[in-house]
Amino acid sequence: MVIRVTERSLSQNAMRGLQANQYRLSRTEEQLTSGKLISKPSDSPTGTMTAMLLRSDMRTQTQYARNAADGVNWLNTIDSTLGGIHDGAQRVRDLTLQGVSAGTGGSDTARAAIAAEVDQIRDAMIGLANTRYIDRPVFGGTTESPSAYGGEDPDNPGVVTFLGDTGAVTRTVAEGTKLRVDADGPTVFGTGDDQIFKVLYDISKNLKENPDQLSADLKRLDTAMSSIRTAQASVGARSNRIETMQQTANDRQLELQSQLTEVEDIDLPKTITDMTLQQTAYQAALGATAKVIQPSLMDFLR
């Protein structure tokens, strides 16, 4: 069976081939210019969905890393503050030992001078107990008060009133993982007669009025210092853990970025090679088409 091929069908087939070649070349040029395999969802519905999920996960990991960084700053602030408070307590301990060594026969003037220094250290400690990070007291829980500790308790001289609450400031650093980034004031500094501010108040008072009580005050001071050291250890452990979680979030971000690159980004050498081949094919198609549609009626009559 003989099928008649007309000039029109030849021209139409040639034009369809040219348009297909031109579309492929245009798409490759667009990919090479943008550096992306996917410029619109229709380019790859599956790839588009995968890229959206990867980007969502990346945003989540970015937020985890930011939360962890904020938590590290909280804990670093607390750690340095506790270090200053412990140093002050150690100085008071040394001064108290001097008062104990002097005994009742020591100079009242010398003990008064020691008491004055203890008072200065106590005031400094109260200031440190009100340390804030981003305008929030780090020992005050979730309180809206600008300070964790305020004036002295009128019913128990020497005890500084706690203005905070028992709420915990936490940061979400991974899925299902929240870490506390503040410190509970009463746990760190004690309460009632065991509060470190009360102990220092009694030491100052006994230096001036009742030196025989200084040995008992030393034991109370040692207990208070032990609580501070325990708090420092807890802060250090939490700081190490939150830094590990921060690094985990950052590593996960890099991993997700690599996966996103595989989905979206072009293979540059391959794309350049494809474009060169497509340009060659397009030029060849142009030449072939020109020869196919060039003959006219006069060419056939000749």
Protein backbone atom coordinates (compact mmCIF):
# COMPACT_ATOMS: atom_id res chain seq x y z
CA MET A 1 0.00 0.00 0.00
CA VAL A 2 1.37 3.39 -1.00
CA ILE A 3 0.81 6.33 1.31
CA ARG A 4 0.96 9.74 -0.30
CA VAL A 5 3.03 12.27 1.65
CA THR A 6 2.12 15.85 0.82
CA GLU A 7 4.23 18.95 1.11
CA ARG A 8 1.92 20.22 3.82
CA SER A 9 2.40 17.15 5.99
CA LEU A 10 6.15 17.40 5.55
CA SER A 11 6.10 21.05 6.59
CA GLN A 12 3.88 20.38 9.60
CA ASN A 13 6.06 17.51 10.81
CA ALA A 14 9.17 19.61 10.35
CA MET A 15 7.68 22.54 12.29
CA ARG A 16 6.55 20.25 15.12
CA GLY A 17 10.06 18.85 15.36
CA LEU A 18 11.54 22.37 15.40
CA GLN A 19 9.18 23.52 18.12
CA ALA A 20 9.97 20.47 20.25
CA ASN A 21 13.70 21.09 19.85
CA GLN A 22 13.24 24.78 20.65
CA TYR A 23 11.21 23.97 23.78
CA ARG A 24 13.87 21.59 25.08
CA LEU A 25 16.59 24.13 24.36
CA SER A 26 14.62 26.93 26.03
CA ARG A 27 14.01 24.81 29.13
CA THR A 28 17.68 23.84 29.40
CA GLU A 29 18.69 27.51 29.03
CA GLU A 30 16.27 28.43 31.81
CA GLN A 31 17.71 25.73 34.10
CA LEU A 32 21.24 26.85 33.34
CA THR A 33 20.35 30.49 34.06
CA SER A 34 18.49 29.82 37.32
CA GLY A 35 20.58 26.88 38.48
CA LYS A 36 17.37 25.06 39.39
CA LEU A 37 15.76 21.97 37.93
CA ILE A 38 12.34 23.07 39.19
CA SER A 39 11.11 26.56 38.40
CA LYS A 40 7.39 25.80 38.72
CA PRO A 41 5.39 22.89 40.21
CA SER A 42 4.51 21.48 36.79
CA ASP A 43 8.21 20.84 36.11
CA SER A 44 8.14 18.06 38.71
CA PRO A 45 5.13 17.66 41.03
CA THR A 46 6.91 15.01 43.08
CA GLY A 47 10.09 17.05 43.32
CA THR A 48 8.09 20.14 44.28
CA MET A 49 6.39 18.28 47.13
CA THR A 50 9.70 16.88 48.34
CA ALA A 51 11.31 20.33 48.24
CA MET A 52 8.43 21.83 50.24
CA LEU A 53 8.75 19.16 52.92
CA LEU A 54 12.51 19.64 53.09
CA ARG A 55 12.16 23.40 53.43
CA SER A 56 9.59 22.99 56.19
CA ASP A 57 11.93 20.68 58.08
CA MET A 58 14.79 23.14 57.57
CA ARG A 59 12.74 25.97 59.08
CA THR A 60 11.97 23.75 62.06
CA GLN A 61 15.63 22.89 62.59
CA THR A 62 16.57 26.57 62.24
CA GLN A 63 14.14 27.44 65.02
CA TYR A 64 15.52 24.64 67.20
CA ALA A 65 19.04 26.02 66.71
CA ARG A 66 17.87 29.53 67.61
CA ASN A 67 16.11 28.24 70.72
CA ALA A 68 19.25 26.39 71.74
CA ALA A 69 21.41 29.48 71.18
CA ASP A 70 19.06 31.52 73.38
CA GLY A 71 19.15 28.80 76.02
CA VAL A 72 22.95 28.76 75.99
CA ASN A 73 22.98 32.52 76.61
CA TRP A 74 20.59 32.10 79.55
CA LEU A 75 22.71 29.36 81.09
CA ASN A 76 26.00 31.19 80.49
CA THR A 77 24.57 34.24 82.26
CA ILE A 78 23.50 32.10 85.22
CA ASP A 79 26.83 30.28 85.36
CA SER A 80 28.88 33.47 85.47
CA THR A 81 26.52 34.94 88.08
CA LEU A 82 26.76 31.88 90.31
CA GLY A 83 30.52 32.02 89.98
CA GLY A 84 30.52 35.59 91.28
CA ILE A 85 28.16 34.70 94.14
CA HIS A 86 30.28 31.71 95.15
CA ASP A 87 33.42 33.84 95.13
CA GLY A 88 31.68 36.34 97.39
CA ALA A 89 30.56 33.58 99.73
CA GLN A 90 34.10 32.21 99.86
CA ARG A 91 35.38 35.65 100.78
CA VAL A 92 32.79 35.86 103.57
CA ARG A 93 33.92 32.46 104.80
CA ASP A 94 37.52 33.65 105.00
CA LEU A 95 36.43 36.77 106.85
CA THR A 96 34.31 34.72 109.25
CA LEU A 97 37.28 32.49 110.02
CA GLN A 98 39.21 35.62 110.92
CA GLY A 99 36.40 36.58 113.28
CA VAL A 100 36.36 33.12 114.82
CA SER A 101 40.14 33.20 115.29
CA ALA A 102 39.91 36.56 117.01
CA GLY A 103 37.33 35.18 119.47
CA THR A 104 35.76 37.26 122.17
CA GLY A 105 39.10 38.77 123.04
CA GLY A 106 39.62 40.22 119.62
CA SER A 107 39.32 43.86 118.74
CA ASP A 108 35.76 45.13 118.40
CA THR A 109 36.96 47.58 115.81
CA ALA A 110 38.52 44.81 113.70
CA ARG A 111 35.37 42.71 113.85
CA ALA A 112 33.26 45.74 112.96
CA ALA A 113 35.43 46.31 109.91
CA ILE A 114 35.00 42.66 108.91
CA ALA A 115 31.24 42.98 109.43
CA ALA A 116 31.16 46.07 107.20
CA GLU A 117 32.86 44.12 104.39
CA VAL A 118 30.42 41.23 104.86
CA ASP A 119 27.54 43.71 104.51
CA GLN A 120 29.02 45.01 101.27
CA ILE A 121 29.39 41.48 99.91
CA ARG A 122 25.80 40.67 100.93
CA ASP A 123 24.48 43.71 99.06
CA ALA A 124 26.50 42.71 96.00
CA MET A 125 25.09 39.17 96.21
CA ILE A 126 21.52 40.47 96.29
CA GLY A 127 22.32 42.49 93.19
CA LEU A 128 23.68 39.39 91.47
CA ALA A 129 20.58 37.43 92.49
CA ASN A 130 18.61 39.99 90.46
CA THR A 131 20.70 39.45 87.32
CA ARG A 132 18.58 39.70 84.19
CA TYR A 133 18.87 38.35 80.68
CA ILE A 134 16.90 40.25 78.03
CA ASP A 135 15.21 42.16 80.85
CA ARG A 136 14.07 39.01 82.66
CA PRO A 137 15.43 37.86 86.05
CA VAL A 138 17.26 34.58 85.55
CA PHE A 139 16.43 33.40 89.09
CA GLY A 140 12.81 34.56 89.08
CA GLY A 141 11.08 31.81 87.11
CA THR A 142 8.37 33.09 84.77
CA THR A 143 7.56 36.17 86.86
CA GLU A 144 6.79 39.47 85.16
CA SER A 145 8.57 41.29 87.97
CA PRO A 146 11.82 42.99 86.91
CA SER A 147 13.59 41.52 89.95
CA ALA A 148 13.80 38.11 91.55
CA TYR A 149 14.43 39.46 95.05
CA GLY A 150 13.12 42.58 96.74
CA GLY A 151 13.08 44.07 100.23
CA GLU A 152 13.75 42.21 103.44
CA ASP A 153 11.07 40.21 105.21
CA PRO A 154 9.81 42.33 108.12
CA ASP A 155 8.93 39.20 110.09
CA ASN A 156 12.41 37.69 109.71
CA PRO A 157 15.18 40.31 109.51
CA GLY A 158 17.91 39.35 107.07
CA VAL A 159 15.70 37.25 104.83
CA VAL A 160 15.26 38.82 101.40
CA THR A 161 11.78 38.43 99.91
CA PHE A 162 11.55 36.28 96.79
CA LEU A 163 9.46 38.06 94.15
CA GLY A 164 9.56 35.34 91.51
CA ASP A 165 7.51 32.19 91.04
CA THR A 166 8.09 28.47 90.64
CA GLY A 167 7.57 28.50 86.86
CA ALA A 168 10.33 27.15 84.66
CA VAL A 169 11.69 28.94 81.59
CA THR A 170 12.19 26.28 78.92
CA ARG A 171 13.35 26.12 75.34
CA THR A 172 12.31 23.49 72.78
CA VAL A 173 15.56 22.29 71.20
CA ALA A 174 14.30 19.17 69.39
CA GLU A 175 11.05 17.39 68.71
CA GLY A 176 9.60 16.49 72.10
CA THR A 177 12.65 17.86 73.95
CA LYS A 178 12.40 20.87 76.24
CA LEU A 179 15.23 21.99 78.49
CA ARG A 180 15.06 24.38 81.42
CA VAL A 181 17.30 27.41 80.92
CA ASP A 182 16.70 29.35 84.14
CA ALA A 183 17.47 28.60 87.80
CA ASP A 184 15.07 28.49 90.72
CA GLY A 185 16.03 31.21 93.19
CA PRO A 186 14.89 29.49 96.42
CA THR A 187 16.67 26.28 95.40
CA VAL A 188 19.92 28.13 94.71
CA PHE A 189 19.92 30.65 97.55
CA GLY A 190 17.84 28.78 100.15
CA THR A 191 14.81 29.89 102.14
CA GLY A 192 14.11 31.14 105.66
CA ASP A 193 17.03 30.93 108.08
CA ASP A 194 18.97 28.86 105.53
CA GLN A 195 18.85 31.59 102.88
CA ILE A 196 22.39 32.73 102.12
CA PHE A 197 21.41 36.38 102.53
CA LYS A 198 20.09 35.58 106.01
CA VAL A 199 23.29 33.67 106.84
CA LEU A 200 25.42 36.65 105.82
CA TYR A 201 23.16 38.97 107.81
CA ASP A 202 23.63 36.81 110.92
CA ILE A 203 27.39 36.60 110.39
CA SER A 204 27.64 40.38 110.23
CA LYS A 205 25.47 40.76 113.29
CA ASN A 206 27.36 38.13 115.31
CA LEU A 207 30.70 39.63 114.35
CA LYS A 208 29.61 42.75 116.14
CA GLU A 209 27.48 41.31 118.95
CA ASN A 210 28.03 37.58 119.53
CA PRO A 211 31.31 36.13 118.13
CA ASP A 212 30.62 32.77 119.84
CA GLN A 213 27.92 32.06 117.23
CA LEU A 214 30.28 32.43 114.28
CA SER A 215 31.25 28.72 114.27
CA ALA A 216 27.59 27.76 113.82
CA ASP A 217 27.24 30.43 111.16
CA LEU A 218 30.15 28.88 109.29
CA LYS A 219 28.33 25.56 109.07
CA ARG A 220 25.24 27.30 107.71
CA LEU A 221 27.40 29.17 105.20
CA ASP A 222 29.03 25.92 104.04
CA THR A 223 25.58 24.42 103.46
CA ALA A 224 24.52 27.46 101.44
CA MET A 225 27.73 27.32 99.38
CA SER A 226 27.12 23.63 98.72
CA SER A 227 23.71 24.51 97.24
CA ILE A 228 25.33 27.08 94.97
CA ARG A 229 27.90 24.55 93.76
CA THR A 230 25.13 22.04 93.09
CA ALA A 231 23.29 24.67 91.06
CA GLN A 232 26.48 25.40 89.10
CA ALA A 233 26.89 21.72 88.30
CA SER A 234 23.27 21.51 87.12
CA VAL A 235 23.72 24.58 84.92
CA GLY A 236 26.90 23.15 83.45
CA ALA A 237 25.24 19.83 82.64
CA ARG A 238 22.26 21.54 81.00
CA SER A 239 24.57 23.85 79.08
CA ASN A 240 26.52 20.91 77.68
CA ARG A 241 23.32 19.15 76.64
CA ILE A 242 21.77 22.19 74.99
CA GLU A 243 24.99 22.89 73.08
CA THR A 244 24.91 19.30 71.83
CA MET A 245 21.31 19.76 70.70
CA GLN A 246 22.26 23.01 68.98
CA GLN A 247 25.01 21.23 67.05
CA THR A 248 22.59 18.44 66.17
CA ALA A 249 20.11 20.96 64.75
CA ASN A 250 22.86 22.67 62.74
CA ASP A 251 24.08 19.33 61.37
CA ARG A 252 20.53 18.39 60.43
CA GLN A 253 20.16 21.69 58.58
CA LEU A 254 23.25 20.92 56.49
CA GLU A 255 21.95 17.44 55.74
CA LEU A 256 18.56 18.79 54.64
CA GLN A 257 20.23 21.46 52.51
CA SER A 258 22.22 18.74 50.76
CA GLN A 259 19.02 16.77 50.09
CA LEU A 260 17.29 19.90 48.79
CA THR A 261 20.20 20.57 46.46
CA GLU A 262 19.86 17.08 45.00
CA VAL A 263 16.15 17.67 44.36
CA GLU A 264 16.27 21.24 43.04
CA ASP A 265 19.72 22.13 41.77
CA ILE A 266 21.07 21.22 38.36
CA ASP A 267 24.13 19.15 37.62
CA LEU A 268 26.11 21.96 35.99
CA PRO A 269 28.49 19.92 33.77
CA LYS A 270 25.64 17.68 32.59
CA THR A 271 23.36 20.64 31.90
CA ILE A 272 26.06 22.42 29.86
CA THR A 273 26.62 19.24 27.85
CA ASP A 274 22.87 18.81 27.28
CA MET A 275 22.58 22.39 26.10
CA THR A 276 25.44 21.98 23.65
CA LEU A 277 23.86 18.82 22.23
CA GLN A 278 20.45 20.46 22.00
CA GLN A 279 21.90 23.50 20.22
CA THR A 280 23.57 21.19 17.72
CA ALA A 281 20.35 19.22 17.25
CA TYR A 282 18.37 22.44 16.79
CA GLN A 283 20.77 23.76 14.17
CA ALA A 284 20.63 20.42 12.34
CA ALA A 285 16.83 20.47 12.49
CA LEU A 286 16.78 23.99 11.11
CA GLY A 287 18.96 22.91 8.21
CA ALA A 288 16.87 19.83 7.47
CA THR A 289 13.64 21.77 7.69
CA ALA A 290 14.92 24.45 5.37
CA LYS A 291 15.65 21.82 2.75
CA VAL A 292 12.27 20.13 3.20
CA ILE A 293 10.07 23.21 2.89
CA GLN A 294 12.26 25.17 0.49
CA PRO A 295 11.10 23.54 -2.84
CA SER A 296 8.30 25.45 -4.57
CA LEU A 297 6.06 24.59 -7.54
CA MET A 298 8.65 26.04 -9.89
CA ASP A 299 11.26 23.68 -8.39
CA PHE A 300 9.07 20.68 -9.24
CA LEU A 301 8.30 21.98 -12.77
CA ARG A 302 12.02 22.21 -13.49
